[in-house]
Amino acid sequence: MQVAKWGNSLAVRLPASVVDALELREGDEIEIVIEAERTFAVRKAAGIDDLFARLRQFRGKLPADFKFSRDEANERG
């Protein structure tokens, strides 16, 4: 893959084999994830249906002593 200038940003053109393997279409969201030093993976980002399905898996599965802390959730690290 080649990195090219696109306005003030950089862009990567995905080879057809990656597009086909991930069943990508124009407008799809993807994630580029660093897996190890100088190694990355490209994956199709989860759609809204996928996100809701993942949320439903957690329904009723929080520990009985779980307490939500708004302050802790909003801490900046």
N, C-alpha and C. Protein backbone atom coordinates (compact mmCIF):
# COMPACT_ATOMS: atom_id res chain seq x y z
N MET A 1 0.84 -1.17 0.00
CA MET A 1 0.00 0.00 0.00
C MET A 1 0.89 1.24 0.00
N GLN A 2 0.39 2.26 -0.61
CA GLN A 2 1.15 3.50 -0.69
C GLN A 2 0.42 4.60 0.06
N VAL A 3 1.17 5.40 0.80
CA VAL A 3 0.62 6.56 1.50
C VAL A 3 0.71 7.75 0.57
N ALA A 4 -0.38 8.49 0.43
CA ALA A 4 -0.42 9.65 -0.46
C ALA A 4 -0.97 10.86 0.29
N LYS A 5 -0.62 12.04 -0.18
CA LYS A 5 -1.13 13.29 0.39
C LYS A 5 -2.56 13.50 -0.09
N TRP A 6 -3.46 13.88 0.84
CA TRP A 6 -4.85 14.17 0.49
C TRP A 6 -5.24 15.42 1.27
N GLY A 7 -5.14 16.58 0.65
CA GLY A 7 -5.35 17.84 1.36
C GLY A 7 -4.26 18.01 2.40
N ASN A 8 -4.65 18.25 3.64
CA ASN A 8 -3.69 18.37 4.74
C ASN A 8 -3.45 17.03 5.44
N SER A 9 -4.06 15.97 4.94
CA SER A 9 -3.97 14.65 5.57
C SER A 9 -3.18 13.69 4.70
N LEU A 10 -3.02 12.47 5.20
CA LEU A 10 -2.44 11.38 4.43
C LEU A 10 -3.51 10.33 4.22
N ALA A 11 -3.44 9.64 3.10
CA ALA A 11 -4.43 8.61 2.77
C ALA A 11 -3.72 7.34 2.35
N VAL A 12 -4.38 6.22 2.56
CA VAL A 12 -3.87 4.91 2.14
C VAL A 12 -4.89 4.31 1.18
N ARG A 13 -4.43 3.88 0.03
CA ARG A 13 -5.31 3.22 -0.93
C ARG A 13 -5.28 1.73 -0.63
N LEU A 14 -6.46 1.15 -0.40
CA LEU A 14 -6.54 -0.27 -0.07
C LEU A 14 -6.56 -1.11 -1.34
N PRO A 15 -5.77 -2.17 -1.35
CA PRO A 15 -5.78 -3.06 -2.51
C PRO A 15 -7.14 -3.76 -2.64
N ALA A 16 -7.48 -4.13 -3.85
CA ALA A 16 -8.76 -4.80 -4.11
C ALA A 16 -8.92 -6.05 -3.27
N SER A 17 -7.84 -6.76 -3.00
CA SER A 17 -7.94 -7.99 -2.20
C SER A 17 -8.42 -7.70 -0.79
N VAL A 18 -7.99 -6.57 -0.19
CA VAL A 18 -8.45 -6.18 1.15
C VAL A 18 -9.91 -5.73 1.09
N VAL A 19 -10.25 -4.95 0.07
CA VAL A 19 -11.62 -4.50 -0.11
C VAL A 19 -12.56 -5.68 -0.24
N ASP A 20 -12.18 -6.66 -1.04
CA ASP A 20 -13.01 -7.85 -1.24
C ASP A 20 -13.12 -8.67 0.05
N ALA A 21 -12.00 -8.87 0.73
CA ALA A 21 -12.00 -9.69 1.95
C ALA A 21 -12.88 -9.08 3.04
N LEU A 22 -12.88 -7.75 3.15
CA LEU A 22 -13.68 -7.07 4.17
C LEU A 22 -15.06 -6.67 3.67
N GLU A 23 -15.35 -6.96 2.40
CA GLU A 23 -16.63 -6.61 1.78
C GLU A 23 -16.93 -5.12 1.98
N LEU A 24 -15.94 -4.28 1.64
CA LEU A 24 -16.07 -2.84 1.83
C LEU A 24 -16.77 -2.19 0.64
N ARG A 25 -17.49 -1.12 0.96
CA ARG A 25 -18.10 -0.28 -0.07
C ARG A 25 -17.76 1.17 0.24
N GLU A 26 -17.87 2.02 -0.74
CA GLU A 26 -17.60 3.44 -0.53
C GLU A 26 -18.48 3.96 0.61
N GLY A 27 -17.87 4.67 1.53
CA GLY A 27 -18.59 5.23 2.67
C GLY A 27 -18.52 4.39 3.93
N ASP A 28 -18.08 3.12 3.81
CA ASP A 28 -17.93 2.27 5.00
C ASP A 28 -16.85 2.83 5.91
N GLU A 29 -17.03 2.62 7.21
CA GLU A 29 -16.03 3.00 8.19
C GLU A 29 -15.10 1.81 8.43
N ILE A 30 -13.79 2.08 8.56
CA ILE A 30 -12.84 1.04 8.89
C ILE A 30 -12.02 1.48 10.09
N GLU A 31 -11.37 0.53 10.72
CA GLU A 31 -10.46 0.80 11.83
C GLU A 31 -9.09 0.27 11.44
N ILE A 32 -8.07 1.05 11.73
CA ILE A 32 -6.70 0.58 11.56
C ILE A 32 -6.14 0.45 12.97
N VAL A 33 -5.76 -0.78 13.34
CA VAL A 33 -5.36 -1.09 14.70
C VAL A 33 -3.90 -1.51 14.73
N ILE A 34 -3.13 -0.91 15.62
CA ILE A 34 -1.73 -1.30 15.79
C ILE A 34 -1.70 -2.60 16.58
N GLU A 35 -1.13 -3.64 16.01
CA GLU A 35 -1.07 -4.95 16.67
C GLU A 35 0.26 -5.20 17.35
N ALA A 36 1.32 -4.74 16.76
CA ALA A 36 2.67 -4.92 17.31
C ALA A 36 3.53 -3.83 16.69
N GLU A 37 4.78 -3.79 17.09
CA GLU A 37 5.67 -2.77 16.55
C GLU A 37 5.71 -2.88 15.03
N ARG A 38 5.34 -1.81 14.36
CA ARG A 38 5.36 -1.71 12.90
C ARG A 38 4.43 -2.70 12.21
N THR A 39 3.40 -3.17 12.92
CA THR A 39 2.42 -4.09 12.35
C THR A 39 1.02 -3.57 12.66
N PHE A 40 0.14 -3.61 11.68
CA PHE A 40 -1.22 -3.14 11.91
C PHE A 40 -2.21 -4.05 11.19
N ALA A 41 -3.47 -3.89 11.56
CA ALA A 41 -4.55 -4.63 10.92
C ALA A 41 -5.62 -3.64 10.50
N VAL A 42 -6.27 -3.93 9.39
CA VAL A 42 -7.39 -3.13 8.91
C VAL A 42 -8.63 -3.98 9.09
N ARG A 43 -9.65 -3.39 9.70
CA ARG A 43 -10.90 -4.14 9.84
C ARG A 43 -12.08 -3.20 9.64
N LYS A 44 -13.17 -3.78 9.21
CA LYS A 44 -14.38 -3.00 9.00
C LYS A 44 -14.92 -2.60 10.37
N ALA A 45 -15.26 -1.34 10.52
CA ALA A 45 -15.80 -0.85 11.79
C ALA A 45 -17.19 -1.42 11.99
N ALA A 46 -17.53 -1.63 13.23
CA ALA A 46 -18.85 -2.18 13.56
C ALA A 46 -19.94 -1.19 13.18
N GLY A 47 -20.99 -1.69 12.59
CA GLY A 47 -22.15 -0.87 12.26
C GLY A 47 -23.05 -0.77 13.48
N ILE A 48 -24.10 0.02 13.38
CA ILE A 48 -25.00 0.24 14.51
C ILE A 48 -25.65 -1.06 14.96
N ASP A 49 -26.01 -1.94 14.02
CA ASP A 49 -26.62 -3.22 14.40
C ASP A 49 -25.63 -4.08 15.18
N ASP A 50 -24.36 -4.08 14.75
CA ASP A 50 -23.34 -4.84 15.46
C ASP A 50 -23.13 -4.29 16.87
N LEU A 51 -23.13 -2.96 17.00
CA LEU A 51 -22.93 -2.35 18.32
C LEU A 51 -24.08 -2.69 19.26
N PHE A 52 -25.32 -2.63 18.77
CA PHE A 52 -26.45 -2.99 19.62
C PHE A 52 -26.41 -4.47 20.02
N ALA A 53 -26.00 -5.33 19.10
CA ALA A 53 -25.89 -6.76 19.41
C ALA A 53 -24.85 -6.99 20.51
N ARG A 54 -23.72 -6.26 20.44
CA ARG A 54 -22.70 -6.39 21.49
C ARG A 54 -23.20 -5.87 22.83
N LEU A 55 -23.96 -4.79 22.81
CA LEU A 55 -24.52 -4.26 24.06
C LEU A 55 -25.52 -5.24 24.68
N ARG A 56 -26.32 -5.89 23.85
CA ARG A 56 -27.31 -6.85 24.37
C ARG A 56 -26.64 -8.03 25.07
N GLN A 57 -25.42 -8.37 24.69
CA GLN A 57 -24.70 -9.47 25.33
C GLN A 57 -24.43 -9.18 26.80
N PHE A 58 -24.31 -7.89 27.16
CA PHE A 58 -23.98 -7.52 28.53
C PHE A 58 -25.22 -7.31 29.41
N ARG A 59 -26.39 -7.36 28.84
CA ARG A 59 -27.61 -7.11 29.60
C ARG A 59 -27.71 -8.08 30.79
N GLY A 60 -27.77 -7.51 31.98
CA GLY A 60 -27.94 -8.31 33.18
C GLY A 60 -26.69 -9.03 33.63
N LYS A 61 -25.51 -8.69 33.09
CA LYS A 61 -24.30 -9.43 33.43
C LYS A 61 -23.31 -8.63 34.25
N LEU A 62 -23.73 -7.49 34.81
CA LEU A 62 -22.83 -6.73 35.65
C LEU A 62 -22.79 -7.36 37.04
N PRO A 63 -21.65 -7.29 37.70
CA PRO A 63 -21.56 -7.84 39.05
C PRO A 63 -22.56 -7.16 39.98
N ALA A 64 -23.06 -7.89 40.96
CA ALA A 64 -24.06 -7.36 41.88
C ALA A 64 -23.56 -6.14 42.63
N ASP A 65 -22.25 -6.06 42.90
CA ASP A 65 -21.70 -4.94 43.66
C ASP A 65 -21.20 -3.80 42.77
N PHE A 66 -21.53 -3.82 41.47
CA PHE A 66 -21.07 -2.80 40.55
C PHE A 66 -21.73 -1.47 40.86
N LYS A 67 -20.91 -0.41 40.92
CA LYS A 67 -21.41 0.94 41.12
C LYS A 67 -20.79 1.85 40.07
N PHE A 68 -21.63 2.55 39.33
CA PHE A 68 -21.15 3.46 38.29
C PHE A 68 -20.69 4.76 38.94
N SER A 69 -19.50 5.21 38.59
CA SER A 69 -18.97 6.47 39.09
C SER A 69 -18.81 7.42 37.91
N ARG A 70 -19.64 8.45 37.86
CA ARG A 70 -19.56 9.42 36.78
C ARG A 70 -18.19 10.11 36.78
N ASP A 71 -17.68 10.44 37.97
CA ASP A 71 -16.37 11.09 38.06
C ASP A 71 -15.26 10.19 37.51
N GLU A 72 -15.30 8.92 37.88
CA GLU A 72 -14.29 7.97 37.39
C GLU A 72 -14.39 7.79 35.88
N ALA A 73 -15.60 7.72 35.37
CA ALA A 73 -15.82 7.53 33.94
C ALA A 73 -15.31 8.72 33.13
N ASN A 74 -15.35 9.90 33.72
CA ASN A 74 -14.94 11.11 33.00
C ASN A 74 -13.51 11.55 33.30
N GLU A 75 -12.76 10.77 34.07
CA GLU A 75 -11.38 11.11 34.35
C GLU A 75 -10.57 11.09 33.05
N ARG A 76 -9.64 11.98 32.96
CA ARG A 76 -8.73 12.03 31.82
C ARG A 76 -7.41 11.45 32.28
N GLY A 77 -6.87 10.50 31.51
CA GLY A 77 -5.63 9.85 31.92
C GLY A 77 -4.40 10.37 31.31
